[in-house]
Amino acid sequence: MGRIAVTDGMADAAVAILEDAGHEVVIAHYTAEELRAGSLAGFDAVVVRSATKMTSEVIQASCSDGKLGFIGRAGVGVDNIDIDSATDNGIVVCNTPGASTRSVVELTIGHLIASTRYIARADRSLRLGEWTKKSLRGSELGGKRLGLIGFGRISRGVAELASAFGMEVRTFDPFVSTDEAAELGCRMHDDVDDVFRSCTHISVHCNHSNDTHHLVNANRLAMMPGTAPDGTPCGNHVVNCARGGIVDEVAVLKALEDGTLASAALDVFEVEPAGDNPVLQHEHFHGSPHIGAATLEAQIRVGTEMAGLLINFFEGERPESAIN
């Protein structure tokens, strides 16, 4: 049976599934120094979330005795795992792509509504004893155009709910066909710039890579129209519940300051924890501390899905969500 390290936590129900199958589960957090020193050597598998960085150096140190054969990302993004190094060392890498979809979809819609109806600003002013009713006239989502950068599971879920609010949805994703987007009632653009030119609301749903780093930047923010197709001067709004680094936070702050953006809402940041990031202090910004998948339901789904992948791996099967 396998010895499994869980470095960033796992739902009790998932741990029970693995232990009932005869596996040893060790739940412990390791510092970056401990990881580089080989603290994961001796394990057959390791399950991480976003906190643990499985760099090439860490993977090499973890393979010192040749046991490690599985790295599981309890979540979607695998940018904290050096896939090439894992592959070179014969380690299969898996994620749980569908488990947190609904949670991130709902948080994205929540941030969109909070942006256009000034919910965070209203709460802050109310707590200060202010009654700023006249200055908090927002806009509706209905009749506005939403641009989705990336069109995977989460983006499609956002498109479904946004359409129910009466939004017109446009998207850019070089890996999805125009016909596939059209089947879901969305218009696919061939050029990401066209999405920014046509949409007052932008939501990010792609992976962070060299190609997407600072994809949302000053030039593209300046392209946004500010006025909706229905004639409402609703301003421009950006939401990112995907990955930090896709949005240029310096450019966002400047756009908030000069009025190019009416609001910005981030759940993810280029440097986390966000600490003293100056964008946090702007009146028209609101955010959350990377909680896209932080629901009771998602955590149970993530854990049980990962437990199933681990059991398949130890039974000699190729896990369904293997990505290398």
Protein backbone atom coordinates (compact mmCIF):
# COMPACT_ATOMS: atom_id res chain seq x y z
CA MET A 1 0.00 0.00 0.00
CA GLY A 2 1.08 3.59 -0.55
CA ARG A 3 2.50 6.24 1.75
CA ILE A 4 0.95 9.60 0.90
CA ALA A 5 2.04 13.07 1.98
CA VAL A 6 -0.72 15.71 2.11
CA THR A 7 1.00 19.07 2.46
CA ASP A 8 -1.82 21.61 2.22
CA GLY A 9 -4.72 19.81 3.87
CA MET A 10 -7.43 17.41 2.72
CA ALA A 11 -11.06 16.80 3.67
CA ASP A 12 -11.51 14.24 6.46
CA ALA A 13 -13.81 12.16 4.26
CA ALA A 14 -11.08 11.84 1.62
CA VAL A 15 -8.46 10.85 4.19
CA ALA A 16 -10.86 8.19 5.49
CA ILE A 17 -11.34 6.79 1.97
CA LEU A 18 -7.59 6.41 1.53
CA GLU A 19 -7.01 4.91 4.96
CA ASP A 20 -9.91 2.48 4.51
CA ALA A 21 -8.17 1.36 1.29
CA GLY A 22 -5.07 0.55 3.35
CA HIS A 23 -2.92 3.59 2.54
CA GLU A 24 -0.93 5.66 5.04
CA VAL A 25 -1.77 9.37 4.93
CA VAL A 26 0.61 11.87 6.53
CA ILE A 27 -0.81 15.39 6.83
CA ALA A 28 1.96 17.92 7.40
CA HIS A 29 3.10 21.27 6.08
CA TYR A 30 6.73 21.69 5.02
CA THR A 31 8.70 24.87 4.48
CA ALA A 32 10.38 25.53 1.15
CA GLU A 33 13.73 24.76 2.78
CA GLU A 34 12.47 21.44 4.12
CA LEU A 35 11.08 20.51 0.71
CA ARG A 36 14.38 21.30 -1.01
CA ALA A 37 16.14 19.20 1.63
CA GLY A 38 14.08 16.15 0.68
CA SER A 39 11.31 16.05 3.28
CA LEU A 40 9.07 14.27 0.77
CA ALA A 41 11.60 11.53 0.03
CA GLY A 42 10.20 8.23 1.22
CA PHE A 43 6.65 8.98 0.10
CA ASP A 44 5.01 7.21 -2.82
CA ALA A 45 2.68 10.12 -3.55
CA VAL A 46 2.20 13.74 -2.56
CA VAL A 47 -0.96 15.84 -2.69
CA VAL A 48 -0.61 19.63 -2.79
CA ARG A 49 -2.78 22.68 -3.25
CA SER A 50 -1.40 26.06 -4.31
CA ALA A 51 0.79 26.70 -1.25
CA THR A 52 3.34 23.95 -1.85
CA LYS A 53 5.66 24.67 -4.78
CA MET A 54 6.86 21.48 -6.44
CA THR A 55 9.81 23.02 -8.26
CA SER A 56 12.39 21.03 -10.17
CA GLU A 57 14.72 21.23 -7.16
CA VAL A 58 12.02 19.95 -4.81
CA ILE A 59 11.07 17.13 -7.17
CA GLN A 60 14.70 16.04 -7.54
CA ALA A 61 15.12 16.01 -3.75
CA SER A 62 11.87 14.07 -3.36
CA CYS A 63 13.06 11.36 -5.76
CA SER A 64 16.28 10.58 -3.93
CA ASP A 65 15.13 7.06 -3.14
CA GLY A 66 13.09 6.58 -6.29
CA LYS A 67 9.76 6.00 -4.55
CA LEU A 68 7.77 9.09 -5.52
CA GLY A 69 5.51 8.30 -8.45
CA PHE A 70 2.48 10.60 -8.10
CA ILE A 71 1.94 14.33 -7.55
CA GLY A 72 -1.68 15.34 -7.12
CA ARG A 73 -2.88 18.93 -7.34
CA ALA A 74 -6.06 19.19 -5.27
CA GLY A 75 -7.54 21.85 -7.52
CA VAL A 76 -7.20 22.99 -11.12
CA GLY A 77 -4.05 25.04 -11.78
CA VAL A 78 -0.75 23.18 -11.88
CA ASP A 79 1.56 26.18 -12.29
CA ASN A 80 3.10 25.37 -8.88
CA ILE A 81 4.35 22.03 -10.25
CA ASP A 82 7.28 21.65 -12.64
CA ILE A 83 5.59 19.27 -15.07
CA ASP A 84 8.71 18.69 -17.19
CA SER A 85 10.75 17.70 -14.15
CA ALA A 86 8.02 15.38 -12.94
CA THR A 87 7.81 13.73 -16.35
CA ASP A 88 11.58 13.32 -16.56
CA ASN A 89 11.48 11.54 -13.21
CA GLY A 90 8.63 9.24 -14.20
CA ILE A 91 6.10 10.93 -11.93
CA VAL A 92 2.48 11.21 -13.02
CA VAL A 93 0.82 14.55 -12.28
CA CYS A 94 -2.93 14.81 -11.79
CA ASN A 95 -5.36 17.56 -10.89
CA THR A 96 -9.07 17.68 -10.04
CA PRO A 97 -10.37 19.94 -12.81
CA GLY A 98 -14.09 19.70 -12.16
CA ALA A 99 -14.34 19.63 -8.40
CA SER A 100 -14.20 23.37 -7.69
CA THR A 101 -15.86 24.60 -10.88
CA ARG A 102 -19.18 25.62 -9.34
CA SER A 103 -17.51 27.39 -6.43
CA VAL A 104 -15.32 29.55 -8.66
CA VAL A 105 -18.21 30.27 -11.02
CA GLU A 106 -20.34 31.55 -8.16
CA LEU A 107 -17.52 33.65 -6.70
CA THR A 108 -16.91 35.22 -10.10
CA ILE A 109 -20.56 36.18 -10.45
CA GLY A 110 -20.48 37.46 -6.87
CA HIS A 111 -17.56 39.74 -7.68
CA LEU A 112 -19.29 40.96 -10.85
CA ILE A 113 -22.42 41.90 -8.91
CA ALA A 114 -20.39 43.45 -6.07
CA SER A 115 -18.49 45.53 -8.63
CA THR A 116 -21.47 46.96 -10.45
CA ARG A 117 -23.62 47.51 -7.34
CA TYR A 118 -20.78 48.84 -5.14
CA ILE A 119 -21.51 46.30 -2.39
CA ALA A 120 -18.03 46.42 -0.83
CA ARG A 121 -17.87 50.22 -0.99
CA ALA A 122 -21.35 50.51 0.51
CA ASP A 123 -20.42 48.22 3.38
CA ARG A 124 -17.21 50.12 4.12
CA SER A 125 -18.94 53.50 4.17
CA LEU A 126 -21.83 52.19 6.26
CA ARG A 127 -19.41 50.93 8.90
CA LEU A 128 -17.95 54.45 9.06
CA GLY A 129 -21.36 55.81 9.93
CA GLU A 130 -21.90 57.30 6.48
CA TRP A 131 -25.12 57.20 4.44
CA THR A 132 -23.84 57.42 0.87
CA LYS A 133 -26.98 56.31 -0.93
CA LYS A 134 -26.86 59.04 -3.59
CA SER A 135 -23.24 58.37 -4.59
CA LEU A 136 -23.64 54.60 -4.94
CA ARG A 137 -25.84 54.43 -8.02
CA GLY A 138 -24.65 51.31 -9.80
CA SER A 139 -25.57 49.54 -13.01
CA GLU A 140 -27.24 46.26 -13.89
CA LEU A 141 -25.56 43.28 -15.50
CA GLY A 142 -28.47 42.82 -17.90
CA GLY A 143 -27.87 44.41 -21.29
CA LYS A 144 -24.10 44.55 -20.79
CA ARG A 145 -21.39 42.69 -22.68
CA LEU A 146 -19.17 40.28 -20.76
CA GLY A 147 -15.80 39.22 -22.19
CA LEU A 148 -14.39 35.91 -20.96
CA ILE A 149 -10.66 35.36 -21.39
CA GLY A 150 -10.44 31.60 -21.72
CA PHE A 151 -13.40 29.29 -22.28
CA GLY A 152 -12.93 26.19 -20.14
CA ARG A 153 -15.24 24.64 -17.54
CA ILE A 154 -15.36 27.62 -15.19
CA SER A 155 -15.72 30.18 -17.96
CA ARG A 156 -18.62 28.24 -19.47
CA GLY A 157 -20.33 28.12 -16.10
CA VAL A 158 -19.91 31.89 -15.76
CA ALA A 159 -21.30 32.32 -19.29
CA GLU A 160 -24.39 30.31 -18.38
CA LEU A 161 -25.18 32.40 -15.29
CA ALA A 162 -24.25 35.68 -16.97
CA SER A 163 -26.61 34.87 -19.84
CA ALA A 164 -29.37 34.24 -17.30
CA PHE A 165 -28.77 37.80 -16.04
CA GLY A 166 -29.26 39.05 -19.60
CA MET A 167 -25.62 39.65 -20.48
CA GLU A 168 -24.24 39.18 -23.99
CA VAL A 169 -21.19 36.93 -23.68
CA ARG A 170 -18.08 37.08 -25.83
CA THR A 171 -14.88 35.11 -25.38
CA PHE A 172 -11.37 34.42 -26.58
CA ASP A 173 -9.72 31.01 -26.39
CA PRO A 174 -7.33 29.80 -29.09
CA PHE A 175 -8.05 26.17 -28.14
CA VAL A 176 -11.84 26.32 -28.55
CA SER A 177 -13.69 26.49 -31.87
CA THR A 178 -16.08 29.23 -32.86
CA ASP A 179 -18.83 26.65 -33.37
CA GLU A 180 -18.33 25.20 -29.89
CA ALA A 181 -18.72 28.63 -28.31
CA ALA A 182 -21.75 29.39 -30.49
CA GLU A 183 -23.47 26.24 -29.28
CA LEU A 184 -23.34 27.75 -25.79
CA GLY A 185 -24.67 31.09 -26.98
CA CYS A 186 -21.29 32.87 -26.92
CA ARG A 187 -19.43 34.72 -29.65
CA MET A 188 -15.80 33.68 -30.09
CA HIS A 189 -13.26 36.32 -31.15
CA ASP A 190 -10.07 35.44 -33.03
CA ASP A 191 -8.14 38.27 -31.34
CA VAL A 192 -8.15 38.90 -27.60
CA ASP A 193 -7.95 42.64 -28.25
CA ASP A 194 -11.38 42.49 -29.89
CA VAL A 195 -12.85 41.20 -26.63
CA PHE A 196 -11.51 44.23 -24.75
CA ARG A 197 -12.69 46.63 -27.47
CA SER A 198 -16.24 45.28 -27.34
CA CYS A 199 -16.80 44.52 -23.64
CA THR A 200 -17.33 46.70 -20.58
CA HIS A 201 -16.99 43.70 -18.27
CA ILE A 202 -14.00 41.34 -18.43
CA SER A 203 -13.53 38.12 -16.45
CA VAL A 204 -10.29 36.11 -16.60
CA HIS A 205 -10.41 32.29 -16.89
CA CYS A 206 -7.09 31.11 -18.34
CA ASN A 207 -3.92 29.58 -16.97
CA HIS A 208 -0.92 31.71 -16.07
CA SER A 209 1.97 31.16 -18.47
CA ASN A 210 4.59 33.14 -20.35
CA ASP A 211 1.95 33.78 -23.01
CA THR A 212 -0.70 35.03 -20.58
CA HIS A 213 1.51 36.95 -18.13
CA HIS A 214 0.06 40.48 -17.84
CA LEU A 215 -2.40 39.67 -20.62
CA VAL A 216 -4.70 42.19 -18.93
CA ASN A 217 -2.52 45.28 -19.22
CA ALA A 218 -2.71 49.06 -19.63
CA ASN A 219 -3.05 48.93 -23.41
CA ARG A 220 -5.97 46.51 -23.33
CA LEU A 221 -7.73 48.24 -20.44
CA ALA A 222 -7.60 51.46 -22.48
CA MET A 223 -9.45 49.66 -25.32
CA MET A 224 -12.55 48.99 -23.20
CA PRO A 225 -15.55 51.09 -24.29
CA GLY A 226 -16.97 52.27 -20.97
CA THR A 227 -20.46 52.46 -22.46
CA ALA A 228 -22.62 49.36 -22.88
CA PRO A 229 -24.46 48.36 -26.07
CA ASP A 230 -27.71 49.43 -24.39
CA GLY A 231 -26.29 52.95 -24.03
CA THR A 232 -25.63 52.80 -20.30
CA PRO A 233 -22.41 54.60 -19.25
CA CYS A 234 -21.63 51.73 -16.89
CA GLY A 235 -17.85 52.09 -16.91
CA ASN A 236 -15.37 49.24 -17.25
CA HIS A 237 -14.99 46.36 -14.82
CA VAL A 238 -12.37 43.60 -14.48
CA VAL A 239 -12.63 40.41 -12.40
CA ASN A 240 -9.92 37.77 -11.95
CA CYS A 241 -10.63 34.57 -10.07
CA ALA A 242 -8.19 32.49 -12.14
CA ARG A 243 -4.47 33.01 -11.47
CA GLY A 244 -2.32 35.87 -10.26
CA GLY A 245 0.05 37.38 -12.81
CA ILE A 246 -2.45 37.38 -15.67
CA VAL A 247 -3.62 40.83 -14.59
CA ASP A 248 -1.03 43.61 -14.38
CA GLU A 249 -1.93 44.99 -10.95
CA VAL A 250 0.13 48.17 -11.44
CA ALA A 251 -1.80 48.91 -14.63
CA VAL A 252 -5.09 48.16 -12.87
CA LEU A 253 -4.29 50.61 -10.08
CA LYS A 254 -3.44 53.33 -12.60
CA ALA A 255 -6.64 52.59 -14.53
CA LEU A 256 -8.67 52.90 -11.33
CA GLU A 257 -6.95 56.18 -10.51
CA ASP A 258 -7.56 57.78 -13.92
CA GLY A 259 -11.08 56.41 -14.34
CA THR A 260 -10.35 53.95 -17.15
CA LEU A 261 -11.70 51.28 -14.82
CA ALA A 262 -14.82 51.82 -12.72
CA SER A 263 -13.92 48.78 -10.61
CA ALA A 264 -11.53 45.88 -10.24
CA ALA A 265 -12.07 42.71 -8.25
CA LEU A 266 -9.32 40.14 -7.67
CA ASP A 267 -9.36 36.83 -5.86
CA VAL A 268 -5.79 36.05 -6.96
CA PHE A 269 -2.63 38.15 -6.92
CA GLU A 270 0.80 38.10 -8.47
CA VAL A 271 2.35 37.88 -5.00
CA GLU A 272 0.40 36.04 -2.32
CA PRO A 273 -0.36 36.87 0.42
CA ALA A 274 -1.12 40.27 -1.11
CA GLY A 275 0.24 42.09 1.96
CA ASP A 276 0.69 45.80 1.30
CA ASN A 277 -0.20 45.71 -2.40
CA PRO A 278 -1.27 49.33 -3.07
CA VAL A 279 -4.24 48.28 -5.23
CA LEU A 280 -5.93 47.05 -2.05
CA GLN A 281 -6.27 50.60 -0.81
CA HIS A 282 -8.16 52.01 -3.78
CA GLU A 283 -11.78 52.84 -3.11
CA HIS A 284 -13.00 51.18 -6.30
CA PHE A 285 -11.16 47.90 -5.67
CA HIS A 286 -12.46 44.95 -3.73
CA GLY A 287 -10.97 41.50 -3.38
CA SER A 288 -10.79 38.18 -1.62
CA PRO A 289 -7.80 36.08 -0.47
CA HIS A 290 -7.74 33.30 -3.12
CA ILE A 291 -10.96 31.66 -1.93
CA GLY A 292 -12.34 30.53 -5.28
CA ALA A 293 -12.46 26.88 -4.25
CA ALA A 294 -13.03 27.54 -0.55
CA THR A 295 -16.52 26.13 -0.12
CA LEU A 296 -17.55 23.15 1.97
CA GLU A 297 -18.90 21.39 -1.10
CA ALA A 298 -15.81 21.99 -3.26
CA GLN A 299 -13.39 20.81 -0.59
CA ILE A 300 -15.28 17.55 -0.22
CA ARG A 301 -15.42 17.07 -4.01
CA VAL A 302 -11.72 17.91 -4.43
CA GLY A 303 -10.68 15.49 -1.70
CA THR A 304 -12.84 12.57 -2.76
CA GLU A 305 -11.89 13.00 -6.42
CA MET A 306 -8.20 13.03 -5.49
CA ALA A 307 -8.65 9.96 -3.27
CA GLY A 308 -10.14 8.12 -6.24
CA LEU A 309 -7.21 9.09 -8.46
CA LEU A 310 -4.72 7.90 -5.86
CA ILE A 311 -6.49 4.57 -5.45
CA ASN A 312 -6.47 4.08 -9.23
CA PHE A 313 -2.76 4.91 -9.33
CA PHE A 314 -1.86 2.41 -6.61
CA GLU A 315 -3.95 -0.23 -8.38
CA GLY A 316 -1.76 0.22 -11.44
CA GLU A 317 -4.22 2.23 -13.52
CA ARG A 318 -3.49 5.51 -15.27
CA PRO A 319 -5.50 8.17 -13.41
CA GLU A 320 -8.23 9.79 -15.49
CA SER A 321 -6.96 13.36 -15.05
CA ALA A 322 -3.26 12.64 -15.63
CA ILE A 323 -1.78 15.61 -17.49
CA ASN A 324 1.64 14.21 -18.46
